[in-house]
């Protein structure tokens, strides 16, 4: 299940499209919303014990790939992840 809508930007669990019962048994829940990191879909995936990927993880993976394509060196993933978390805390 992929959420590509802005609905995940609302922290109100009632704003979610799917409940834990709806997604129980699926392989992966993927929410493209970067902030908040604990979107209604991710929260429901946790309740249903479903593997999940959040928008911040996608943002980091894109940044790592872009860094490596442009510089042709290994990306400092730990530094990039720390910077992303610090910056997101300010938003």
N, C-alpha and C. Protein backbone atom coordinates (compact mmCIF):
# COMPACT_ATOMS: atom_id res chain seq x y z
N UNK A 1 0.86 -1.16 0.00
CA UNK A 1 0.00 0.00 0.00
C UNK A 1 0.90 1.22 0.00
N UNK A 2 0.64 2.15 -0.92
CA UNK A 2 1.40 3.39 -1.01
C UNK A 2 0.46 4.57 -0.82
N UNK A 3 0.80 5.45 0.11
CA UNK A 3 0.05 6.68 0.27
C UNK A 3 0.84 7.81 -0.38
N UNK A 4 0.32 8.33 -1.47
CA UNK A 4 0.92 9.46 -2.16
C UNK A 4 0.07 10.71 -2.04
N UNK A 5 -0.80 10.74 -1.04
CA UNK A 5 -1.69 11.89 -0.83
C UNK A 5 -1.18 12.72 0.34
N UNK A 6 -1.66 13.95 0.51
CA UNK A 6 -1.26 14.76 1.67
C UNK A 6 -1.99 14.37 2.95
N UNK A 7 -2.83 13.36 2.90
CA UNK A 7 -3.60 12.97 4.08
C UNK A 7 -2.69 12.62 5.26
N UNK A 8 -1.55 12.03 5.00
CA UNK A 8 -0.64 11.66 6.07
C UNK A 8 -0.04 12.83 6.81
N UNK A 9 -0.21 14.04 6.28
CA UNK A 9 0.33 15.22 6.94
C UNK A 9 -0.47 15.59 8.18
N UNK A 10 -1.63 15.01 8.34
CA UNK A 10 -2.45 15.26 9.51
C UNK A 10 -2.10 14.25 10.59
N UNK A 11 -1.87 14.72 11.80
CA UNK A 11 -1.49 13.82 12.88
C UNK A 11 -2.71 13.15 13.52
N UNK A 12 -3.90 13.58 13.15
CA UNK A 12 -5.12 12.98 13.67
C UNK A 12 -5.31 11.59 13.04
N UNK A 13 -5.25 10.52 13.84
CA UNK A 13 -5.40 9.18 13.28
C UNK A 13 -6.69 8.99 12.48
N UNK A 14 -7.73 9.75 12.81
CA UNK A 14 -8.99 9.63 12.07
C UNK A 14 -8.83 10.15 10.65
N UNK A 15 -7.73 10.89 10.39
CA UNK A 15 -7.50 11.44 9.05
C UNK A 15 -6.95 10.38 8.10
N UNK A 16 -6.58 9.23 8.61
CA UNK A 16 -6.03 8.18 7.77
C UNK A 16 -7.08 7.52 6.89
N UNK A 17 -6.60 6.93 5.81
CA UNK A 17 -7.50 6.26 4.88
C UNK A 17 -7.78 4.81 5.28
N UNK A 18 -6.79 4.18 5.90
CA UNK A 18 -6.89 2.75 6.17
C UNK A 18 -6.61 2.46 7.65
N UNK A 19 -7.28 1.46 8.16
CA UNK A 19 -7.05 1.04 9.55
C UNK A 19 -6.10 -0.16 9.55
N UNK A 20 -5.67 -0.52 10.75
CA UNK A 20 -4.82 -1.70 10.90
C UNK A 20 -5.50 -2.94 10.34
N UNK A 21 -6.80 -3.06 10.56
CA UNK A 21 -7.55 -4.20 10.02
C UNK A 21 -7.53 -4.22 8.49
N UNK A 22 -7.59 -3.03 7.89
CA UNK A 22 -7.58 -2.95 6.42
C UNK A 22 -6.27 -3.43 5.81
N UNK A 23 -5.15 -3.18 6.51
CA UNK A 23 -3.84 -3.49 5.91
C UNK A 23 -3.19 -4.74 6.49
N UNK A 24 -3.82 -5.33 7.47
CA UNK A 24 -3.25 -6.55 8.06
C UNK A 24 -3.05 -7.60 6.96
N UNK A 25 -1.86 -8.16 6.91
CA UNK A 25 -1.56 -9.19 5.93
C UNK A 25 -0.88 -8.69 4.66
N UNK A 26 -0.81 -7.38 4.46
CA UNK A 26 -0.07 -6.89 3.28
C UNK A 26 1.42 -6.95 3.58
N UNK A 27 2.22 -6.85 2.55
CA UNK A 27 3.68 -6.98 2.72
C UNK A 27 4.34 -5.68 3.17
N UNK A 28 3.84 -4.53 2.68
CA UNK A 28 4.52 -3.27 2.95
C UNK A 28 3.57 -2.09 2.87
N UNK A 29 3.72 -1.16 3.80
CA UNK A 29 3.01 0.12 3.76
C UNK A 29 4.06 1.20 3.55
N UNK A 30 3.82 2.07 2.58
CA UNK A 30 4.79 3.10 2.21
C UNK A 30 4.07 4.44 2.18
N UNK A 31 4.48 5.34 3.08
CA UNK A 31 3.86 6.66 3.13
C UNK A 31 4.89 7.68 2.65
N UNK A 32 4.58 8.41 1.59
CA UNK A 32 5.51 9.37 1.01
C UNK A 32 5.62 10.66 1.81
N UNK A 33 4.76 10.86 2.78
CA UNK A 33 4.80 12.07 3.61
C UNK A 33 6.06 12.04 4.47
N UNK A 34 6.80 13.17 4.47
CA UNK A 34 8.04 13.23 5.24
C UNK A 34 7.86 13.75 6.66
N UNK A 35 6.86 14.58 6.87
CA UNK A 35 6.65 15.16 8.18
C UNK A 35 5.16 15.26 8.43
N UNK A 36 4.61 14.69 9.46
CA UNK A 36 5.28 13.99 10.54
C UNK A 36 5.76 12.61 10.11
N UNK A 37 6.72 12.08 10.84
CA UNK A 37 7.22 10.75 10.48
C UNK A 37 6.25 9.65 10.91
N UNK A 38 5.49 9.90 11.96
CA UNK A 38 4.51 8.91 12.43
C UNK A 38 3.13 9.29 11.88
N UNK A 39 2.94 9.02 10.61
CA UNK A 39 1.67 9.34 9.95
C UNK A 39 0.60 8.33 10.38
N UNK A 40 -0.65 8.64 10.10
CA UNK A 40 -1.70 7.66 10.43
C UNK A 40 -1.44 6.29 9.78
N UNK A 41 -0.97 6.27 8.53
CA UNK A 41 -0.71 4.98 7.87
C UNK A 41 0.42 4.23 8.56
N UNK A 42 1.49 4.92 8.92
CA UNK A 42 2.61 4.26 9.61
C UNK A 42 2.15 3.76 10.98
N UNK A 43 1.35 4.54 11.68
CA UNK A 43 0.83 4.11 12.99
C UNK A 43 -0.02 2.85 12.85
N UNK A 44 -0.86 2.82 11.83
CA UNK A 44 -1.71 1.64 11.61
C UNK A 44 -0.87 0.43 11.18
N UNK A 45 0.17 0.68 10.40
CA UNK A 45 1.07 -0.42 10.01
C UNK A 45 1.75 -1.01 11.23
N UNK A 46 2.16 -0.16 12.17
CA UNK A 46 2.75 -0.65 13.41
C UNK A 46 1.77 -1.52 14.17
N UNK A 47 0.52 -1.06 14.28
CA UNK A 47 -0.51 -1.84 14.98
C UNK A 47 -0.74 -3.19 14.31
N UNK A 48 -0.67 -3.21 12.97
CA UNK A 48 -0.95 -4.45 12.21
C UNK A 48 0.30 -5.30 12.02
N UNK A 49 1.43 -4.85 12.56
CA UNK A 49 2.70 -5.57 12.41
C UNK A 49 3.07 -5.74 10.94
N UNK A 50 2.91 -4.64 10.18
CA UNK A 50 3.23 -4.62 8.76
C UNK A 50 4.52 -3.82 8.56
N UNK A 51 5.42 -4.33 7.76
CA UNK A 51 6.64 -3.58 7.44
C UNK A 51 6.25 -2.25 6.80
N UNK A 52 7.04 -1.20 7.07
CA UNK A 52 6.67 0.10 6.53
C UNK A 52 7.91 0.94 6.22
N UNK A 53 7.71 1.88 5.31
CA UNK A 53 8.73 2.86 4.95
C UNK A 53 8.05 4.22 4.99
N UNK A 54 8.71 5.17 5.61
CA UNK A 54 8.16 6.52 5.68
C UNK A 54 8.84 7.45 4.68
N UNK A 55 8.26 8.61 4.53
CA UNK A 55 8.78 9.59 3.58
C UNK A 55 10.18 10.06 3.90
N UNK A 56 10.53 10.16 5.19
CA UNK A 56 11.87 10.59 5.56
C UNK A 56 12.92 9.57 5.08
N UNK A 57 12.58 8.31 5.17
CA UNK A 57 13.50 7.26 4.69
C UNK A 57 13.70 7.38 3.17
N UNK A 58 12.62 7.67 2.47
CA UNK A 58 12.71 7.88 1.02
C UNK A 58 13.57 9.10 0.72
N UNK A 59 13.35 10.19 1.44
CA UNK A 59 14.11 11.42 1.23
C UNK A 59 15.61 11.17 1.44
N UNK A 60 15.95 10.44 2.49
CA UNK A 60 17.35 10.11 2.76
C UNK A 60 17.93 9.25 1.64
N UNK A 61 17.21 8.22 1.22
CA UNK A 61 17.71 7.33 0.17
C UNK A 61 17.93 8.10 -1.14
N UNK A 62 17.02 9.02 -1.45
CA UNK A 62 17.19 9.84 -2.66
C UNK A 62 18.43 10.72 -2.55
N UNK A 63 18.61 11.32 -1.38
CA UNK A 63 19.78 12.18 -1.17
C UNK A 63 21.08 11.41 -1.28
N UNK A 64 21.11 10.21 -0.73
CA UNK A 64 22.31 9.37 -0.81
C UNK A 64 22.63 9.05 -2.26
N UNK A 65 21.63 8.63 -3.02
CA UNK A 65 21.85 8.30 -4.43
C UNK A 65 22.31 9.51 -5.23
N UNK A 66 21.69 10.66 -4.99
CA UNK A 66 22.07 11.87 -5.71
C UNK A 66 23.50 12.28 -5.37
N UNK A 67 23.85 12.22 -4.10
CA UNK A 67 25.21 12.55 -3.68
C UNK A 67 26.23 11.68 -4.40
N UNK A 68 25.95 10.37 -4.42
CA UNK A 68 26.90 9.44 -5.03
C UNK A 68 26.97 9.61 -6.55
N UNK A 69 25.85 9.93 -7.19
CA UNK A 69 25.87 10.16 -8.64
C UNK A 69 26.66 11.41 -8.99
N UNK A 70 26.50 12.45 -8.20
CA UNK A 70 27.17 13.72 -8.50
C UNK A 70 28.63 13.72 -8.11
N UNK A 71 28.99 13.07 -7.01
CA UNK A 71 30.37 13.15 -6.51
C UNK A 71 31.20 11.92 -6.86
N UNK A 72 30.56 10.82 -7.20
CA UNK A 72 31.21 9.54 -7.49
C UNK A 72 32.03 9.05 -6.29
N UNK A 73 31.57 9.38 -5.10
CA UNK A 73 32.15 8.85 -3.87
C UNK A 73 31.02 8.35 -2.98
N UNK A 74 31.36 7.49 -2.03
CA UNK A 74 30.36 6.97 -1.10
C UNK A 74 29.79 8.10 -0.26
N UNK A 75 28.49 8.12 -0.13
CA UNK A 75 27.82 9.15 0.65
C UNK A 75 28.04 8.92 2.14
N UNK A 76 28.19 10.00 2.90
CA UNK A 76 28.29 9.88 4.36
C UNK A 76 26.88 9.72 4.95
N UNK A 77 26.35 8.53 4.83
CA UNK A 77 24.94 8.27 5.17
C UNK A 77 24.63 8.68 6.60
N UNK A 78 25.50 8.33 7.55
CA UNK A 78 25.24 8.68 8.96
C UNK A 78 25.15 10.19 9.15
N UNK A 79 26.03 10.93 8.50
CA UNK A 79 26.03 12.39 8.60
C UNK A 79 24.77 12.96 7.96
N UNK A 80 24.41 12.41 6.81
CA UNK A 80 23.22 12.88 6.11
C UNK A 80 21.96 12.59 6.93
N UNK A 81 21.90 11.40 7.51
CA UNK A 81 20.73 11.03 8.32
C UNK A 81 20.62 11.94 9.55
N UNK A 82 21.74 12.20 10.21
CA UNK A 82 21.72 13.08 11.38
C UNK A 82 21.28 14.49 10.99
N UNK A 83 21.79 14.99 9.86
CA UNK A 83 21.40 16.31 9.38
C UNK A 83 19.92 16.38 9.04
N UNK A 84 19.41 15.33 8.42
CA UNK A 84 17.99 15.29 8.07
C UNK A 84 17.14 15.32 9.34
N UNK A 85 17.50 14.51 10.32
CA UNK A 85 16.74 14.47 11.57
C UNK A 85 16.79 15.82 12.29
N UNK A 86 17.97 16.43 12.32
CA UNK A 86 18.10 17.75 12.96
C UNK A 86 17.24 18.78 12.25
N UNK A 87 17.29 18.79 10.92
CA UNK A 87 16.53 19.77 10.15
C UNK A 87 15.02 19.55 10.29
N UNK A 88 14.61 18.30 10.28
CA UNK A 88 13.18 18.01 10.40
C UNK A 88 12.65 18.39 11.78
N UNK A 89 13.50 18.31 12.80
CA UNK A 89 13.08 18.70 14.14
C UNK A 89 12.79 20.19 14.21
N UNK A 90 13.40 20.96 13.34
CA UNK A 90 13.20 22.41 13.33
C UNK A 90 11.94 22.82 12.57
N UNK A 91 11.44 21.94 11.71
CA UNK A 91 10.27 22.29 10.90
C UNK A 91 8.97 22.20 11.68
